[in-house]
Amino acid sequence: MKRPSYDRQQTRNAGFSLLEVLVTILVLSFGLLGMANLILTGMRSNNIAHYRGIATQQTHDMADRMRANLVGVSAGHYDALATGIPASNDCIATNCSAAQMAVYDHAQWNAANGILLPDGVGTVVGNLAGGFLVTVMWVEKEMNGVTDPACPSGTPADRRCFSSRFSP
């Protein structure tokens, strides 16, 4: 009986094919990891953009509330609104004075900030003569302990701020 002869060249080629497959799997794995990182970065950027869009809308909301209550603005009821949510009357169900409407606007606005943004709060500082600075702040995990330079001094780390200056 004659044994089949194996050519040395055939043996080398078979081993080389296996090495090619392993290299291809390695290259493909790095490519898939890169794509996963790209998708993750895109989702993170989309989330940040979403919060910034909400903050922009919230600053416009307070500006519109102030324009609707020019008597309260003239009287100085919006000159220094802090981050807290004050107790207020329900100005939709009952008639309110300009001062009560300012407190109601403040409470509703900061309650909405807390709902729409992660740990969201807002402040208003200024006066009718010099204009107002409306600032919305929220926690952004991607900041990694850094303080946003756009935030007022004394703002804790990991907070992102969006400010808008306007005159009613």
C-alpha atoms as a PDB file:
ATOM      1  CA  MET A   1       0.000   0.000   0.000  1.00  0.00           C
ATOM      2  CA  LYS A   2       1.309   3.354  -0.971  1.00  0.00           C
ATOM      3  CA  ARG A   3       1.174   6.162   1.565  1.00  0.00           C
ATOM      4  CA  PRO A   4      -0.149   9.502   0.445  1.00  0.00           C
ATOM      5  CA  SER A   5       2.653  11.973   0.163  1.00  0.00           C
ATOM      6  CA  TYR A   6       2.306  15.270   1.915  1.00  0.00           C
ATOM      7  CA  ASP A   7       4.031  18.141   0.404  1.00  0.00           C
ATOM      8  CA  ARG A   8       5.823  20.415   2.816  1.00  0.00           C
ATOM      9  CA  GLN A   9       4.500  23.468   0.979  1.00  0.00           C
ATOM     10  CA  GLN A  10       0.892  22.367   1.579  1.00  0.00           C
ATOM     11  CA  THR A  11       1.517  22.043   5.305  1.00  0.00           C
ATOM     12  CA  ARG A  12       2.956  25.551   5.504  1.00  0.00           C
ATOM     13  CA  ASN A  13       0.018  27.012   3.605  1.00  0.00           C
ATOM     14  CA  ALA A  14      -2.506  25.379   5.924  1.00  0.00           C
ATOM     15  CA  GLY A  15      -0.805  26.865   9.006  1.00  0.00           C
ATOM     16  CA  PHE A  16      -0.536  30.275   7.356  1.00  0.00           C
ATOM     17  CA  SER A  17      -4.311  30.320   6.740  1.00  0.00           C
ATOM     18  CA  LEU A  18      -4.976  29.735  10.406  1.00  0.00           C
ATOM     19  CA  LEU A  19      -2.653  32.617  11.292  1.00  0.00           C
ATOM     20  CA  GLU A  20      -4.488  34.858   8.808  1.00  0.00           C
ATOM     21  CA  VAL A  21      -7.814  34.007  10.455  1.00  0.00           C
ATOM     22  CA  LEU A  22      -6.461  34.848  13.907  1.00  0.00           C
ATOM     23  CA  VAL A  23      -5.095  38.213  12.722  1.00  0.00           C
ATOM     24  CA  THR A  24      -8.391  38.974  10.991  1.00  0.00           C
ATOM     25  CA  ILE A  25     -10.324  38.236  14.182  1.00  0.00           C
ATOM     26  CA  LEU A  26      -7.965  40.485  16.144  1.00  0.00           C
ATOM     27  CA  VAL A  27      -8.332  43.375  13.660  1.00  0.00           C
ATOM     28  CA  LEU A  28     -12.112  42.927  13.541  1.00  0.00           C
ATOM     29  CA  SER A  29     -12.281  42.934  17.355  1.00  0.00           C
ATOM     30  CA  PHE A  30     -10.423  46.254  17.553  1.00  0.00           C
ATOM     31  CA  GLY A  31     -12.717  47.688  14.891  1.00  0.00           C
ATOM     32  CA  LEU A  32     -15.833  46.609  16.798  1.00  0.00           C
ATOM     33  CA  LEU A  33     -14.452  48.059  20.035  1.00  0.00           C
ATOM     34  CA  GLY A  34     -13.822  51.338  18.223  1.00  0.00           C
ATOM     35  CA  MET A  35     -17.370  51.372  16.863  1.00  0.00           C
ATOM     36  CA  ALA A  36     -18.806  50.671  20.322  1.00  0.00           C
ATOM     37  CA  ASN A  37     -16.764  53.565  21.734  1.00  0.00           C
ATOM     38  CA  LEU A  38     -18.004  55.817  18.927  1.00  0.00           C
ATOM     39  CA  ILE A  39     -21.625  54.907  19.645  1.00  0.00           C
ATOM     40  CA  LEU A  40     -21.130  55.490  23.369  1.00  0.00           C
ATOM     41  CA  THR A  41     -19.528  58.891  22.754  1.00  0.00           C
ATOM     42  CA  GLY A  42     -22.371  59.852  20.432  1.00  0.00           C
ATOM     43  CA  MET A  43     -24.988  58.895  23.020  1.00  0.00           C
ATOM     44  CA  ARG A  44     -23.160  60.861  25.715  1.00  0.00           C
ATOM     45  CA  SER A  45     -22.933  63.930  23.469  1.00  0.00           C
ATOM     46  CA  ASN A  46     -26.599  63.627  22.589  1.00  0.00           C
ATOM     47  CA  ASN A  47     -27.494  63.533  26.294  1.00  0.00           C
ATOM     48  CA  ILE A  48     -25.402  66.643  26.998  1.00  0.00           C
ATOM     49  CA  ALA A  49     -26.977  68.478  24.072  1.00  0.00           C
ATOM     50  CA  HIS A  50     -30.439  67.506  25.305  1.00  0.00           C
ATOM     51  CA  TYR A  51     -29.778  69.015  28.747  1.00  0.00           C
ATOM     52  CA  ARG A  52     -28.329  72.173  27.232  1.00  0.00           C
ATOM     53  CA  GLY A  53     -31.414  72.547  25.064  1.00  0.00           C
ATOM     54  CA  ILE A  54     -33.656  72.209  28.110  1.00  0.00           C
ATOM     55  CA  ALA A  55     -31.562  74.765  30.010  1.00  0.00           C
ATOM     56  CA  THR A  56     -31.912  77.199  27.118  1.00  0.00           C
ATOM     57  CA  GLN A  57     -35.680  76.754  27.129  1.00  0.00           C
ATOM     58  CA  GLN A  58     -35.806  77.214  30.902  1.00  0.00           C
ATOM     59  CA  THR A  59     -33.940  80.525  30.763  1.00  0.00           C
ATOM     60  CA  HIS A  60     -36.369  81.690  28.080  1.00  0.00           C
ATOM     61  CA  ASP A  61     -39.267  80.497  30.241  1.00  0.00           C
ATOM     62  CA  MET A  62     -38.192  82.695  33.159  1.00  0.00           C
ATOM     63  CA  ALA A  63     -37.614  85.650  30.833  1.00  0.00           C
ATOM     64  CA  ASP A  64     -41.156  85.215  29.480  1.00  0.00           C
ATOM     65  CA  ARG A  65     -42.581  84.963  33.010  1.00  0.00           C
ATOM     66  CA  MET A  66     -40.837  88.196  33.924  1.00  0.00           C
ATOM     67  CA  ARG A  67     -42.077  89.956  30.790  1.00  0.00           C
ATOM     68  CA  ALA A  68     -45.609  88.868  31.675  1.00  0.00           C
ATOM     69  CA  ASN A  69     -45.290  90.455  35.151  1.00  0.00           C
ATOM     70  CA  LEU A  70     -43.622  93.796  34.416  1.00  0.00           C
ATOM     71  CA  VAL A  71     -45.243  95.319  37.512  1.00  0.00           C
ATOM     72  CA  GLY A  72     -43.414  92.724  39.645  1.00  0.00           C
ATOM     73  CA  VAL A  73     -40.169  93.341  37.751  1.00  0.00           C
ATOM     74  CA  SER A  74     -40.506  97.115  38.275  1.00  0.00           C
ATOM     75  CA  ALA A  75     -41.122  96.568  41.981  1.00  0.00           C
ATOM     76  CA  GLY A  76     -37.929  94.463  42.289  1.00  0.00           C
ATOM     77  CA  HIS A  77     -39.599  91.114  43.050  1.00  0.00           C
ATOM     78  CA  TYR A  78     -37.373  89.268  40.549  1.00  0.00           C
ATOM     79  CA  ASP A  79     -34.082  90.957  41.477  1.00  0.00           C
ATOM     80  CA  ALA A  80     -32.601  88.055  43.476  1.00  0.00           C
ATOM     81  CA  LEU A  81     -34.251  84.659  43.008  1.00  0.00           C
ATOM     82  CA  ALA A  82     -32.278  81.892  44.712  1.00  0.00           C
ATOM     83  CA  THR A  83     -32.064  78.175  43.935  1.00  0.00           C
ATOM     84  CA  GLY A  84     -34.678  77.127  46.487  1.00  0.00           C
ATOM     85  CA  ILE A  85     -38.359  76.535  45.794  1.00  0.00           C
ATOM     86  CA  PRO A  86     -40.424  78.972  47.873  1.00  0.00           C
ATOM     87  CA  ALA A  87     -43.918  78.249  49.153  1.00  0.00           C
ATOM     88  CA  SER A  88     -46.420  80.077  46.983  1.00  0.00           C
ATOM     89  CA  ASN A  89     -50.104  80.586  46.324  1.00  0.00           C
ATOM     90  CA  ASP A  90     -51.763  78.919  43.352  1.00  0.00           C
ATOM     91  CA  CYS A  91     -51.991  81.919  41.063  1.00  0.00           C
ATOM     92  CA  ILE A  92     -53.873  79.974  38.414  1.00  0.00           C
ATOM     93  CA  ALA A  93     -56.821  79.210  40.677  1.00  0.00           C
ATOM     94  CA  THR A  94     -56.890  82.604  42.422  1.00  0.00           C
ATOM     95  CA  ASN A  95     -55.963  86.171  41.617  1.00  0.00           C
ATOM     96  CA  CYS A  96     -52.517  87.133  42.864  1.00  0.00           C
ATOM     97  CA  SER A  97     -50.704  90.388  43.338  1.00  0.00           C
ATOM     98  CA  ALA A  98     -47.525  91.137  41.376  1.00  0.00           C
ATOM     99  CA  ALA A  99     -45.415  90.060  44.373  1.00  0.00           C
ATOM    100  CA  GLN A 100     -47.333  86.799  44.780  1.00  0.00           C
ATOM    101  CA  MET A 101     -47.026  86.135  41.043  1.00  0.00           C
ATOM    102  CA  ALA A 102     -43.240  86.597  41.268  1.00  0.00           C
ATOM    103  CA  VAL A 103     -43.054  84.029  44.079  1.00  0.00           C
ATOM    104  CA  TYR A 104     -45.341  81.689  42.125  1.00  0.00           C
ATOM    105  CA  ASP A 105     -43.180  82.067  38.979  1.00  0.00           C
ATOM    106  CA  HIS A 106     -40.045  81.379  41.009  1.00  0.00           C
ATOM    107  CA  ALA A 107     -41.557  78.247  42.599  1.00  0.00           C
ATOM    108  CA  GLN A 108     -42.951  76.863  39.336  1.00  0.00           C
ATOM    109  CA  TRP A 109     -39.779  77.580  37.406  1.00  0.00           C
ATOM    110  CA  ASN A 110     -37.402  75.941  39.889  1.00  0.00           C
ATOM    111  CA  ALA A 111     -39.755  72.983  40.322  1.00  0.00           C
ATOM    112  CA  ALA A 112     -39.657  72.487  36.536  1.00  0.00           C
ATOM    113  CA  ASN A 113     -35.849  72.829  36.555  1.00  0.00           C
ATOM    114  CA  GLY A 114     -35.658  70.030  39.133  1.00  0.00           C
ATOM    115  CA  ILE A 115     -37.908  67.783  37.051  1.00  0.00           C
ATOM    116  CA  LEU A 116     -36.412  68.449  33.619  1.00  0.00           C
ATOM    117  CA  LEU A 117     -32.708  68.479  34.537  1.00  0.00           C
ATOM    118  CA  PRO A 118     -30.699  66.225  36.865  1.00  0.00           C
ATOM    119  CA  ASP A 119     -30.617  68.143  40.154  1.00  0.00           C
ATOM    120  CA  GLY A 120     -31.593  71.258  38.173  1.00  0.00           C
ATOM    121  CA  VAL A 121     -31.926  74.662  39.840  1.00  0.00           C
ATOM    122  CA  GLY A 122     -31.970  78.228  38.641  1.00  0.00           C
ATOM    123  CA  THR A 123     -31.186  81.739  39.830  1.00  0.00           C
ATOM    124  CA  VAL A 124     -32.043  85.232  38.677  1.00  0.00           C
ATOM    125  CA  VAL A 125     -29.932  88.252  39.630  1.00  0.00           C
ATOM    126  CA  GLY A 126     -30.024  91.825  38.444  1.00  0.00           C
ATOM    127  CA  ASN A 127     -32.435  94.702  38.234  1.00  0.00           C
ATOM    128  CA  LEU A 128     -34.588  96.537  35.740  1.00  0.00           C
ATOM    129  CA  ALA A 129     -31.985  99.225  35.073  1.00  0.00           C
ATOM    130  CA  GLY A 130     -28.989  96.948  34.447  1.00  0.00           C
ATOM    131  CA  GLY A 131     -30.754  93.845  33.125  1.00  0.00           C
ATOM    132  CA  PHE A 132     -31.060  90.359  34.528  1.00  0.00           C
ATOM    133  CA  LEU A 133     -28.841  87.291  34.448  1.00  0.00           C
ATOM    134  CA  VAL A 134     -30.841  84.058  34.433  1.00  0.00           C
ATOM    135  CA  THR A 135     -28.719  80.981  35.220  1.00  0.00           C
ATOM    136  CA  VAL A 136     -29.772  77.337  35.104  1.00  0.00           C
ATOM    137  CA  MET A 137     -27.507  74.724  36.747  1.00  0.00           C
ATOM    138  CA  TRP A 138     -27.598  70.940  36.633  1.00  0.00           C
ATOM    139  CA  VAL A 139     -25.375  67.956  37.447  1.00  0.00           C
ATOM    140  CA  GLU A 140     -23.439  66.534  34.526  1.00  0.00           C
ATOM    141  CA  LYS A 141     -21.609  63.268  35.224  1.00  0.00           C
ATOM    142  CA  GLU A 142     -19.230  63.690  32.295  1.00  0.00           C
ATOM    143  CA  MET A 143     -17.498  66.656  33.983  1.00  0.00           C
ATOM    144  CA  ASN A 144     -15.478  64.306  36.243  1.00  0.00           C
ATOM    145  CA  GLY A 145     -15.196  66.652  39.231  1.00  0.00           C
ATOM    146  CA  VAL A 146     -14.395  69.801  37.243  1.00  0.00           C
ATOM    147  CA  THR A 147     -16.149  73.103  37.934  1.00  0.00           C
ATOM    148  CA  ASP A 148     -17.741  74.808  34.934  1.00  0.00           C
ATOM    149  CA  PRO A 149     -16.148  78.250  34.418  1.00  0.00           C
ATOM    150  CA  ALA A 150     -19.552  79.576  33.283  1.00  0.00           C
ATOM    151  CA  CYS A 151     -21.002  78.933  36.750  1.00  0.00           C
ATOM    152  CA  PRO A 152     -21.130  81.573  39.478  1.00  0.00           C
ATOM    153  CA  SER A 153     -18.416  81.338  42.122  1.00  0.00           C
ATOM    154  CA  GLY A 154     -19.198  78.886  44.882  1.00  0.00           C
ATOM    155  CA  THR A 155     -20.982  76.433  42.581  1.00  0.00           C
ATOM    156  CA  PRO A 156     -20.137  72.815  43.459  1.00  0.00           C
ATOM    157  CA  ALA A 157     -18.132  70.630  41.087  1.00  0.00           C
ATOM    158  CA  ASP A 158     -19.829  68.517  38.409  1.00  0.00           C
ATOM    159  CA  ARG A 159     -22.376  71.264  37.730  1.00  0.00           C
ATOM    160  CA  ARG A 160     -22.940  72.639  34.276  1.00  0.00           C
ATOM    161  CA  CYS A 161     -24.368  76.157  33.970  1.00  0.00           C
ATOM    162  CA  PHE A 162     -26.180  77.999  31.231  1.00  0.00           C
ATOM    163  CA  SER A 163     -26.695  81.738  31.629  1.00  0.00           C
ATOM    164  CA  SER A 164     -28.682  84.199  29.621  1.00  0.00           C
ATOM    165  CA  ARG A 165     -28.709  87.977  30.060  1.00  0.00           C
ATOM    166  CA  PHE A 166     -31.795  89.976  29.107  1.00  0.00           C
ATOM    167  CA  SER A 167     -33.746  93.157  29.734  1.00  0.00           C
ATOM    168  CA  PRO A 168     -37.534  92.889  29.889  1.00  0.00           C
END
